[in-house]
Amino acid sequence: MEKLIITVTCDSTMSYPSNPHNPKSVATQAEEYIRSVNAGASICHLHGPYTVDEEIQADGTKLSDLDVPGWASLKGLIEDKCDPIIQYGIANGRFPQRKELMKQHPDMMSICFNAHDECFDYEPGNPPVELYGIHDRDELAEYCRVTAEYGVKVEVEAFHYGGIWNAVRLVEQGLLKTPVWTTFFLGWKGGCWTPPTPKAMMYMHDHKPDNFNYNVSVMDPSTHWQILTTAIILGGHVRVGMEDNPYLALGKYAKSNAELVEKIVRISRELGREIASPEEAHQIIG
């Protein structure tokens, strides 16, 4: 079985705003990523500075505006201290701004291959963050062309299996290179929700195309560690961090993202699966 690739995503501003350990600045985020890489993460899924639309716009979207220079600062601070795979997140960012981000040459770019319909409503008493956007197939094809131009690897975000259908179509059209790297999102609230259950995990695994590698993100503290353990046993890869789940155990916050990485490292090694270095992850991801 391949070594396990661990992705870390350190920003819980939208998902768990009450988390007292959420890194609040570019500098503190960079420190969190560096500690997490030292703990065993190979991929840093970055959220550079951004703001979310307060209302639905005239075009029917409710998305994120990105501070493009701030993303370059975050990337630079991390790369000054370590050499992970840099993956630019905030797939709900506006397309023109994300094309500008590609000029910074991250290793990977997260692209949502289904419609964006997210409801960040994970803490009772806090107003939910709602996000809406249609990523039509013309936009996805343009994403594939631009990422190829800048030498950026696509991460296919699939909140349900329609995202995989879109990716397969683009592979068949010669626009998306294999092996494809995809992340399955379980338990993420909204109209693209897939339940965070072992059966759902098995469904995603069983229907994965042969030329796809998969990663798993679970936004549900009560099942998070169980589902990720299932993914490890099945040969998939995993994502941890305060965006997805800031808890080491129910009700117990991790004090740093590195603690979450350390926990999944322990689980994987106890199951007999070693951890991939960034260099090994480059080879597995292609």
C-alpha atoms as a PDB file:
ATOM      1  CA  MET A   1       0.000   0.000   0.000  1.00  0.00           C
ATOM      2  CA  GLU A   2       1.237   3.504  -0.788  1.00  0.00           C
ATOM      3  CA  LYS A   3       2.471   5.650   2.042  1.00  0.00           C
ATOM      4  CA  LEU A   4      -0.168   7.990   3.475  1.00  0.00           C
ATOM      5  CA  ILE A   5      -0.295  11.586   2.225  1.00  0.00           C
ATOM      6  CA  ILE A   6      -1.566  14.004   4.883  1.00  0.00           C
ATOM      7  CA  THR A   7      -3.041  17.366   3.910  1.00  0.00           C
ATOM      8  CA  VAL A   8      -3.397  20.036   6.607  1.00  0.00           C
ATOM      9  CA  THR A   9      -5.743  23.021   6.475  1.00  0.00           C
ATOM     10  CA  CYS A  10      -5.224  25.416   9.362  1.00  0.00           C
ATOM     11  CA  ASP A  11      -7.934  28.093   9.093  1.00  0.00           C
ATOM     12  CA  SER A  12     -11.288  27.555  10.874  1.00  0.00           C
ATOM     13  CA  THR A  13     -12.606  31.123  10.464  1.00  0.00           C
ATOM     14  CA  MET A  14     -15.676  30.040   8.478  1.00  0.00           C
ATOM     15  CA  SER A  15     -16.240  26.597   9.962  1.00  0.00           C
ATOM     16  CA  TYR A  16     -15.507  26.968  13.690  1.00  0.00           C
ATOM     17  CA  PRO A  17     -15.308  30.714  14.453  1.00  0.00           C
ATOM     18  CA  SER A  18     -15.347  30.120  18.239  1.00  0.00           C
ATOM     19  CA  ASN A  19     -12.168  28.032  18.111  1.00  0.00           C
ATOM     20  CA  PRO A  20      -9.823  29.910  20.465  1.00  0.00           C
ATOM     21  CA  HIS A  21      -6.727  28.430  18.806  1.00  0.00           C
ATOM     22  CA  ASN A  22      -7.561  29.468  15.232  1.00  0.00           C
ATOM     23  CA  PRO A  23      -4.543  31.308  13.729  1.00  0.00           C
ATOM     24  CA  LYS A  24      -5.724  34.821  12.972  1.00  0.00           C
ATOM     25  CA  SER A  25      -2.914  36.381  10.906  1.00  0.00           C
ATOM     26  CA  VAL A  26      -0.778  35.439   7.921  1.00  0.00           C
ATOM     27  CA  ALA A  27       2.252  35.069  10.195  1.00  0.00           C
ATOM     28  CA  THR A  28       0.511  32.817  12.744  1.00  0.00           C
ATOM     29  CA  GLN A  29      -0.998  30.708   9.948  1.00  0.00           C
ATOM     30  CA  ALA A  30       2.464  30.229   8.459  1.00  0.00           C
ATOM     31  CA  GLU A  31       3.771  29.078  11.840  1.00  0.00           C
ATOM     32  CA  GLU A  32       0.915  26.566  12.093  1.00  0.00           C
ATOM     33  CA  TYR A  33       1.682  25.156   8.663  1.00  0.00           C
ATOM     34  CA  ILE A  34       5.394  24.848   9.399  1.00  0.00           C
ATOM     35  CA  ARG A  35       4.700  22.962  12.658  1.00  0.00           C
ATOM     36  CA  SER A  36       2.247  20.706  10.831  1.00  0.00           C
ATOM     37  CA  VAL A  37       4.752  19.822   8.103  1.00  0.00           C
ATOM     38  CA  ASN A  38       7.316  18.982  10.774  1.00  0.00           C
ATOM     39  CA  ALA A  39       4.679  16.721  12.371  1.00  0.00           C
ATOM     40  CA  GLY A  40       4.080  14.752   9.153  1.00  0.00           C
ATOM     41  CA  ALA A  41       1.888  16.720   6.729  1.00  0.00           C
ATOM     42  CA  SER A  42       2.985  16.792   3.082  1.00  0.00           C
ATOM     43  CA  ILE A  43       0.383  19.166   1.612  1.00  0.00           C
ATOM     44  CA  CYS A  44      -0.443  22.614   2.961  1.00  0.00           C
ATOM     45  CA  HIS A  45      -3.958  23.617   1.893  1.00  0.00           C
ATOM     46  CA  LEU A  46      -3.754  27.386   2.177  1.00  0.00           C
ATOM     47  CA  HIS A  47      -6.352  30.011   2.920  1.00  0.00           C
ATOM     48  CA  GLY A  48      -4.694  33.314   2.250  1.00  0.00           C
ATOM     49  CA  PRO A  49      -6.523  36.497   3.333  1.00  0.00           C
ATOM     50  CA  TYR A  50     -10.118  36.717   2.053  1.00  0.00           C
ATOM     51  CA  THR A  51     -13.534  38.177   2.782  1.00  0.00           C
ATOM     52  CA  VAL A  52     -16.954  36.616   2.113  1.00  0.00           C
ATOM     53  CA  ASP A  53     -19.797  38.423   0.330  1.00  0.00           C
ATOM     54  CA  GLU A  54     -22.331  39.713   2.846  1.00  0.00           C
ATOM     55  CA  GLU A  55     -25.266  39.208   0.455  1.00  0.00           C
ATOM     56  CA  ILE A  56     -26.111  37.222  -2.656  1.00  0.00           C
ATOM     57  CA  GLN A  57     -24.866  39.161  -5.676  1.00  0.00           C
ATOM     58  CA  ALA A  58     -26.802  40.151  -8.796  1.00  0.00           C
ATOM     59  CA  ASP A  59     -25.377  37.126 -10.656  1.00  0.00           C
ATOM     60  CA  GLY A  60     -26.764  34.758  -7.989  1.00  0.00           C
ATOM     61  CA  THR A  61     -23.390  34.026  -6.372  1.00  0.00           C
ATOM     62  CA  LYS A  62     -22.206  34.455  -2.799  1.00  0.00           C
ATOM     63  CA  LEU A  63     -18.478  33.854  -2.855  1.00  0.00           C
ATOM     64  CA  SER A  64     -15.109  34.988  -1.476  1.00  0.00           C
ATOM     65  CA  ASP A  65     -12.932  37.929  -2.501  1.00  0.00           C
ATOM     66  CA  LEU A  66      -9.221  37.181  -2.255  1.00  0.00           C
ATOM     67  CA  ASP A  67      -6.328  39.391  -1.167  1.00  0.00           C
ATOM     68  CA  VAL A  68      -3.934  38.155  -3.868  1.00  0.00           C
ATOM     69  CA  PRO A  69      -0.702  39.716  -2.438  1.00  0.00           C
ATOM     70  CA  GLY A  70      -1.552  38.282   0.989  1.00  0.00           C
ATOM     71  CA  TRP A  71      -1.544  34.764  -0.462  1.00  0.00           C
ATOM     72  CA  ALA A  72       1.966  35.311  -1.828  1.00  0.00           C
ATOM     73  CA  SER A  73       3.108  36.431   1.631  1.00  0.00           C
ATOM     74  CA  LEU A  74       1.710  33.306   3.295  1.00  0.00           C
ATOM     75  CA  LYS A  75       3.278  31.014   0.692  1.00  0.00           C
ATOM     76  CA  GLY A  76       6.643  32.743   1.056  1.00  0.00           C
ATOM     77  CA  LEU A  77       6.706  32.514   4.849  1.00  0.00           C
ATOM     78  CA  ILE A  78       6.054  28.768   4.719  1.00  0.00           C
ATOM     79  CA  GLU A  79       8.593  28.083   1.995  1.00  0.00           C
ATOM     80  CA  ASP A  80      11.251  29.993   3.903  1.00  0.00           C
ATOM     81  CA  LYS A  81      11.163  27.275   6.601  1.00  0.00           C
ATOM     82  CA  CYS A  82      10.103  24.040   4.850  1.00  0.00           C
ATOM     83  CA  ASP A  83       9.318  22.555   1.452  1.00  0.00           C
ATOM     84  CA  PRO A  84       5.813  21.048   1.419  1.00  0.00           C
ATOM     85  CA  ILE A  85       3.405  20.787  -1.502  1.00  0.00           C
ATOM     86  CA  ILE A  86       1.561  24.124  -1.574  1.00  0.00           C
ATOM     87  CA  GLN A  87      -2.124  23.771  -2.441  1.00  0.00           C
ATOM     88  CA  TYR A  88      -4.180  26.944  -2.859  1.00  0.00           C
ATOM     89  CA  GLY A  89      -7.669  26.535  -1.401  1.00  0.00           C
ATOM     90  CA  ILE A  90     -10.771  28.762  -1.168  1.00  0.00           C
ATOM     91  CA  ALA A  91     -12.317  27.101  -4.218  1.00  0.00           C
ATOM     92  CA  ASN A  92     -15.252  29.474  -3.599  1.00  0.00           C
ATOM     93  CA  GLY A  93     -13.034  32.393  -4.619  1.00  0.00           C
ATOM     94  CA  ARG A  94     -13.942  34.319  -7.747  1.00  0.00           C
ATOM     95  CA  PHE A  95     -12.493  32.857 -10.936  1.00  0.00           C
ATOM     96  CA  PRO A  96     -10.572  35.958 -12.161  1.00  0.00           C
ATOM     97  CA  GLN A  97      -8.822  36.330  -8.795  1.00  0.00           C
ATOM     98  CA  ARG A  98      -7.953  32.641  -8.691  1.00  0.00           C
ATOM     99  CA  LYS A  99      -6.400  32.902 -12.148  1.00  0.00           C
ATOM    100  CA  GLU A 100      -4.218  35.684 -10.729  1.00  0.00           C
ATOM    101  CA  LEU A 101      -3.211  33.369  -7.869  1.00  0.00           C
ATOM    102  CA  MET A 102      -1.899  30.805 -10.350  1.00  0.00           C
ATOM    103  CA  LYS A 103       0.781  33.289 -11.388  1.00  0.00           C
ATOM    104  CA  GLN A 104       2.290  32.681  -7.920  1.00  0.00           C
ATOM    105  CA  HIS A 105       2.968  29.085  -9.032  1.00  0.00           C
ATOM    106  CA  PRO A 106       1.512  27.019  -6.192  1.00  0.00           C
ATOM    107  CA  ASP A 107       2.011  23.290  -6.686  1.00  0.00           C
ATOM    108  CA  MET A 108      -1.736  22.621  -6.652  1.00  0.00           C
ATOM    109  CA  MET A 109      -5.023  24.503  -6.960  1.00  0.00           C
ATOM    110  CA  SER A 110      -8.290  23.316  -5.372  1.00  0.00           C
ATOM    111  CA  ILE A 111     -11.149  23.489  -7.879  1.00  0.00           C
ATOM    112  CA  CYS A 112     -14.730  22.593  -6.993  1.00  0.00           C
ATOM    113  CA  PHE A 113     -16.031  20.292  -9.746  1.00  0.00           C
ATOM    114  CA  ASN A 114     -19.656  20.556  -8.632  1.00  0.00           C
ATOM    115  CA  ALA A 115     -21.855  23.546  -7.822  1.00  0.00           C
ATOM    116  CA  HIS A 116     -20.888  25.415  -4.673  1.00  0.00           C
ATOM    117  CA  ASP A 117     -23.699  25.151  -2.134  1.00  0.00           C
ATOM    118  CA  GLU A 118     -22.140  25.265   1.326  1.00  0.00           C
ATOM    119  CA  CYS A 119     -23.602  26.136   4.699  1.00  0.00           C
ATOM    120  CA  PHE A 120     -20.954  26.580   7.391  1.00  0.00           C
ATOM    121  CA  ASP A 121     -23.279  26.008  10.336  1.00  0.00           C
ATOM    122  CA  TYR A 122     -21.271  23.926  12.782  1.00  0.00           C
ATOM    123  CA  GLU A 123     -21.528  25.973  15.977  1.00  0.00           C
ATOM    124  CA  PRO A 124     -24.935  26.641  17.566  1.00  0.00           C
ATOM    125  CA  GLY A 125     -25.455  30.347  18.218  1.00  0.00           C
ATOM    126  CA  ASN A 126     -23.183  31.561  15.418  1.00  0.00           C
ATOM    127  CA  PRO A 127     -24.814  32.712  12.171  1.00  0.00           C
ATOM    128  CA  PRO A 128     -24.031  30.325   9.300  1.00  0.00           C
ATOM    129  CA  VAL A 129     -21.752  31.317   6.428  1.00  0.00           C
ATOM    130  CA  GLU A 130     -23.600  30.554   3.185  1.00  0.00           C
ATOM    131  CA  LEU A 131     -21.754  30.148  -0.133  1.00  0.00           C
ATOM    132  CA  TYR A 132     -23.286  29.724  -3.588  1.00  0.00           C
ATOM    133  CA  GLY A 133     -21.806  29.470  -7.056  1.00  0.00           C
ATOM    134  CA  ILE A 134     -22.178  27.482 -10.271  1.00  0.00           C
ATOM    135  CA  HIS A 135     -18.905  26.096 -11.605  1.00  0.00           C
ATOM    136  CA  ASP A 136     -20.113  25.296 -15.116  1.00  0.00           C
ATOM    137  CA  ARG A 137     -18.193  22.993 -17.416  1.00  0.00           C
ATOM    138  CA  ASP A 138     -16.866  25.889 -19.488  1.00  0.00           C
ATOM    139  CA  GLU A 139     -15.316  27.349 -16.317  1.00  0.00           C
ATOM    140  CA  LEU A 140     -13.868  23.965 -15.345  1.00  0.00           C
ATOM    141  CA  ALA A 141     -12.353  23.560 -18.819  1.00  0.00           C
ATOM    142  CA  GLU A 142     -10.788  27.022 -18.548  1.00  0.00           C
ATOM    143  CA  TYR A 143      -9.420  26.130 -15.098  1.00  0.00           C
ATOM    144  CA  CYS A 144      -7.769  23.069 -16.649  1.00  0.00           C
ATOM    145  CA  ARG A 145      -6.230  25.133 -19.445  1.00  0.00           C
ATOM    146  CA  VAL A 146      -4.887  27.842 -17.115  1.00  0.00           C
ATOM    147  CA  THR A 147      -3.479  25.392 -14.547  1.00  0.00           C
ATOM    148  CA  ALA A 148      -1.697  23.563 -17.374  1.00  0.00           C
ATOM    149  CA  GLU A 149      -0.255  26.875 -18.611  1.00  0.00           C
ATOM    150  CA  TYR A 150       1.236  27.634 -15.184  1.00  0.00           C
ATOM    151  CA  GLY A 151       2.239  24.060 -14.331  1.00  0.00           C
ATOM    152  CA  VAL A 152      -0.227  23.784 -11.444  1.00  0.00           C
ATOM    153  CA  LYS A 153      -1.737  20.400 -10.505  1.00  0.00           C
ATOM    154  CA  VAL A 154      -5.538  20.363 -10.191  1.00  0.00           C
ATOM    155  CA  GLU A 155      -7.146  19.114  -6.981  1.00  0.00           C
ATOM    156  CA  VAL A 156     -10.653  17.987  -7.928  1.00  0.00           C
ATOM    157  CA  GLU A 157     -12.976  18.859  -5.047  1.00  0.00           C
ATOM    158  CA  ALA A 158     -15.918  16.438  -5.136  1.00  0.00           C
ATOM    159  CA  PHE A 159     -18.696  17.026  -2.616  1.00  0.00           C
ATOM    160  CA  HIS A 160     -20.759  14.371  -4.397  1.00  0.00           C
ATOM    161  CA  TYR A 161     -20.202  12.074  -7.373  1.00  0.00           C
ATOM    162  CA  GLY A 162     -21.310  14.641  -9.950  1.00  0.00           C
ATOM    163  CA  GLY A 163     -17.895  16.226  -9.380  1.00  0.00           C
ATOM    164  CA  ILE A 164     -16.194  12.988 -10.439  1.00  0.00           C
ATOM    165  CA  TRP A 165     -18.402  12.783 -13.557  1.00  0.00           C
ATOM    166  CA  ASN A 166     -17.275  16.274 -14.552  1.00  0.00           C
ATOM    167  CA  ALA A 167     -13.622  15.351 -13.968  1.00  0.00           C
ATOM    168  CA  VAL A 168     -13.888  12.152 -16.033  1.00  0.00           C
ATOM    169  CA  ARG A 169     -15.447  14.147 -18.870  1.00  0.00           C
ATOM    170  CA  LEU A 170     -12.520  16.589 -18.866  1.00  0.00           C
ATOM    171  CA  VAL A 171     -10.043  13.693 -18.820  1.00  0.00           C
ATOM    172  CA  GLU A 172     -11.789  12.234 -21.875  1.00  0.00           C
ATOM    173  CA  GLN A 173     -11.548  15.622 -23.599  1.00  0.00           C
ATOM    174  CA  GLY A 174      -7.795  15.719 -22.961  1.00  0.00           C
ATOM    175  CA  LEU A 175      -8.012  18.757 -20.662  1.00  0.00           C
ATOM    176  CA  LEU A 176      -7.311  17.088 -17.311  1.00  0.00           C
ATOM    177  CA  LYS A 177      -4.192  14.956 -16.933  1.00  0.00           C
ATOM    178  CA  THR A 178      -4.059  11.685 -15.048  1.00  0.00           C
ATOM    179  CA  PRO A 179      -3.481  10.559 -12.408  1.00  0.00           C
ATOM    180  CA  VAL A 180      -6.198  12.869 -11.108  1.00  0.00           C
ATOM    181  CA  TRP A 181      -5.979  13.966  -7.470  1.00  0.00           C
ATOM    182  CA  THR A 182      -9.417  14.311  -5.928  1.00  0.00           C
ATOM    183  CA  THR A 183     -10.724  15.054  -2.448  1.00  0.00           C
ATOM    184  CA  PHE A 184     -14.019  13.555  -1.298  1.00  0.00           C
ATOM    185  CA  PHE A 185     -15.883  15.843   1.131  1.00  0.00           C
ATOM    186  CA  LEU A 186     -18.113  14.060   3.639  1.00  0.00           C
ATOM    187  CA  GLY A 187     -20.319  15.802   6.190  1.00  0.00           C
ATOM    188  CA  TRP A 188     -19.961  19.283   4.657  1.00  0.00           C
ATOM    189  CA  LYS A 189     -23.337  20.947   5.157  1.00  0.00           C
ATOM    190  CA  GLY A 190     -25.262  22.418   2.238  1.00  0.00           C
ATOM    191  CA  GLY A 191     -26.991  21.304  -0.937  1.00  0.00           C
ATOM    192  CA  CYS A 192     -23.985  19.192  -2.030  1.00  0.00           C
ATOM    193  CA  TRP A 193     -23.862  17.242   1.262  1.00  0.00           C
ATOM    194  CA  THR A 194     -22.619  13.640   1.405  1.00  0.00           C
ATOM    195  CA  PRO A 195     -23.176  11.889   4.753  1.00  0.00           C
ATOM    196  CA  PRO A 196     -20.138  11.235   6.971  1.00  0.00           C
ATOM    197  CA  THR A 197     -20.675   7.493   7.302  1.00  0.00           C
ATOM    198  CA  PRO A 198     -18.605   4.362   6.593  1.00  0.00           C
ATOM    199  CA  LYS A 199     -21.141   3.370   3.901  1.00  0.00           C
ATOM    200  CA  ALA A 200     -20.707   6.717   2.150  1.00  0.00           C
ATOM    201  CA  MET A 201     -16.933   6.361   2.376  1.00  0.00           C
ATOM    202  CA  MET A 202     -17.124   2.887   0.849  1.00  0.00           C
ATOM    203  CA  TYR A 203     -19.374   4.184  -1.941  1.00  0.00           C
ATOM    204  CA  MET A 204     -16.847   6.874  -2.847  1.00  0.00           C
ATOM    205  CA  HIS A 205     -14.012   4.339  -2.722  1.00  0.00           C
ATOM    206  CA  ASP A 206     -15.831   1.673  -4.772  1.00  0.00           C
ATOM    207  CA  HIS A 207     -16.755   4.107  -7.564  1.00  0.00           C
ATOM    208  CA  LYS A 208     -13.374   5.796  -7.873  1.00  0.00           C
ATOM    209  CA  PRO A 209     -12.025   5.668 -11.447  1.00  0.00           C
ATOM    210  CA  ASP A 210      -8.807   3.671 -11.804  1.00  0.00           C
ATOM    211  CA  ASN A 211      -6.702   6.695 -12.784  1.00  0.00           C
ATOM    212  CA  PHE A 212      -7.792   8.768  -9.758  1.00  0.00           C
ATOM    213  CA  ASN A 213      -6.046   9.065  -6.375  1.00  0.00           C
ATOM    214  CA  TYR A 214      -8.311  10.166  -3.555  1.00  0.00           C
ATOM    215  CA  ASN A 215      -8.053  12.183  -0.388  1.00  0.00           C
ATOM    216  CA  VAL A 216     -10.796  12.455   2.259  1.00  0.00           C
ATOM    217  CA  SER A 217     -12.062  15.442   4.255  1.00  0.00           C
ATOM    218  CA  VAL A 218     -14.691  14.992   6.984  1.00  0.00           C
ATOM    219  CA  MET A 219     -16.517  17.981   8.492  1.00  0.00           C
ATOM    220  CA  ASP A 220     -18.166  16.164  11.385  1.00  0.00           C
ATOM    221  CA  PRO A 221     -16.386  15.887  14.763  1.00  0.00           C
ATOM    222  CA  SER A 222     -18.340  12.841  15.911  1.00  0.00           C
ATOM    223  CA  THR A 223     -17.303  10.682  12.931  1.00  0.00           C
ATOM    224  CA  HIS A 224     -14.173  12.497  11.680  1.00  0.00           C
ATOM    225  CA  TRP A 225     -11.510  10.144  13.044  1.00  0.00           C
ATOM    226  CA  GLN A 226     -13.459   6.968  12.279  1.00  0.00           C
ATOM    227  CA  ILE A 227     -14.022   7.895   8.620  1.00  0.00           C
ATOM    228  CA  LEU A 228     -10.391   8.951   8.143  1.00  0.00           C
ATOM    229  CA  THR A 229      -9.292   5.650   9.659  1.00  0.00           C
ATOM    230  CA  THR A 230     -11.516   3.858   7.142  1.00  0.00           C
ATOM    231  CA  ALA A 231      -9.878   5.816   4.316  1.00  0.00           C
ATOM    232  CA  ILE A 232      -6.407   4.845   5.573  1.00  0.00           C
ATOM    233  CA  ILE A 233      -7.339   1.154   5.657  1.00  0.00           C
ATOM    234  CA  LEU A 234      -8.792   1.350   2.133  1.00  0.00           C
ATOM    235  CA  GLY A 235      -5.643   2.956   0.726  1.00  0.00           C
ATOM    236  CA  GLY A 236      -6.906   6.520   0.418  1.00  0.00           C
ATOM    237  CA  HIS A 237      -5.255   9.646   1.763  1.00  0.00           C
ATOM    238  CA  VAL A 238      -6.495  12.080   4.410  1.00  0.00           C
ATOM    239  CA  ARG A 239      -6.935  15.718   5.297  1.00  0.00           C
ATOM    240  CA  VAL A 240      -6.905  17.095   8.837  1.00  0.00           C
ATOM    241  CA  GLY A 241      -6.798  20.550  10.365  1.00  0.00           C
ATOM    242  CA  MET A 242      -8.853  23.111  12.173  1.00  0.00           C
ATOM    243  CA  GLU A 243     -11.017  23.926   9.169  1.00  0.00           C
ATOM    244  CA  ASP A 244     -12.368  20.380   8.989  1.00  0.00           C
ATOM    245  CA  ASN A 245     -12.357  19.492  12.688  1.00  0.00           C
ATOM    246  CA  PRO A 246     -10.526  21.379  15.462  1.00  0.00           C
ATOM    247  CA  TYR A 247     -11.155  18.669  18.091  1.00  0.00           C
ATOM    248  CA  LEU A 248      -8.740  15.952  19.201  1.00  0.00           C
ATOM    249  CA  ALA A 249     -11.786  14.356  20.844  1.00  0.00           C
ATOM    250  CA  LEU A 250     -15.356  15.605  21.208  1.00  0.00           C
ATOM    251  CA  GLY A 251     -15.266  18.858  23.151  1.00  0.00           C
ATOM    252  CA  LYS A 252     -11.458  18.932  23.388  1.00  0.00           C
ATOM    253  CA  TYR A 253      -9.851  21.512  21.127  1.00  0.00           C
ATOM    254  CA  ALA A 254      -6.435  20.840  19.669  1.00  0.00           C
ATOM    255  CA  LYS A 255      -4.088  23.644  20.696  1.00  0.00           C
ATOM    256  CA  SER A 256      -2.376  23.505  17.313  1.00  0.00           C
ATOM    257  CA  ASN A 257      -2.923  21.948  13.917  1.00  0.00           C
ATOM    258  CA  ALA A 258       0.238  19.935  14.477  1.00  0.00           C
ATOM    259  CA  GLU A 259      -1.562  18.011  17.246  1.00  0.00           C
ATOM    260  CA  LEU A 260      -4.206  16.943  14.716  1.00  0.00           C
ATOM    261  CA  VAL A 261      -1.494  15.829  12.285  1.00  0.00           C
ATOM    262  CA  GLU A 262       0.272  13.922  15.048  1.00  0.00           C
ATOM    263  CA  LYS A 263      -2.940  12.056  15.910  1.00  0.00           C
ATOM    264  CA  ILE A 264      -3.540  10.853  12.335  1.00  0.00           C
ATOM    265  CA  VAL A 265       0.149   9.872  12.065  1.00  0.00           C
ATOM    266  CA  ARG A 266      -0.243   7.690  15.173  1.00  0.00           C
ATOM    267  CA  ILE A 267      -3.419   6.096  13.830  1.00  0.00           C
ATOM    268  CA  SER A 268      -1.851   5.324  10.468  1.00  0.00           C
ATOM    269  CA  ARG A 269       1.333   3.844  11.916  1.00  0.00           C
ATOM    270  CA  GLU A 270      -0.633   1.685  14.334  1.00  0.00           C
ATOM    271  CA  LEU A 271      -2.475   0.337  11.292  1.00  0.00           C
ATOM    272  CA  GLY A 272       0.859  -0.450   9.642  1.00  0.00           C
ATOM    273  CA  ARG A 273       0.863   2.353   7.071  1.00  0.00           C
ATOM    274  CA  GLU A 274       3.820   4.722   6.936  1.00  0.00           C
ATOM    275  CA  ILE A 275       3.664   8.447   6.205  1.00  0.00           C
ATOM    276  CA  ALA A 276       4.742  10.010   2.911  1.00  0.00           C
ATOM    277  CA  SER A 277       7.284  12.811   2.895  1.00  0.00           C
ATOM    278  CA  PRO A 278       6.591  15.802   0.598  1.00  0.00           C
ATOM    279  CA  GLU A 279       9.037  14.330  -1.923  1.00  0.00           C
ATOM    280  CA  GLU A 280       7.238  10.959  -1.869  1.00  0.00           C
ATOM    281  CA  ALA A 281       3.868  12.700  -2.102  1.00  0.00           C
ATOM    282  CA  HIS A 282       5.024  14.470  -5.291  1.00  0.00           C
ATOM    283  CA  GLN A 283       5.652  11.068  -6.875  1.00  0.00           C
ATOM    284  CA  ILE A 284       2.337   9.537  -5.743  1.00  0.00           C
ATOM    285  CA  ILE A 285       0.273  12.553  -6.856  1.00  0.00           C
ATOM    286  CA  GLY A 286       2.008  12.751 -10.217  1.00  0.00           C
END
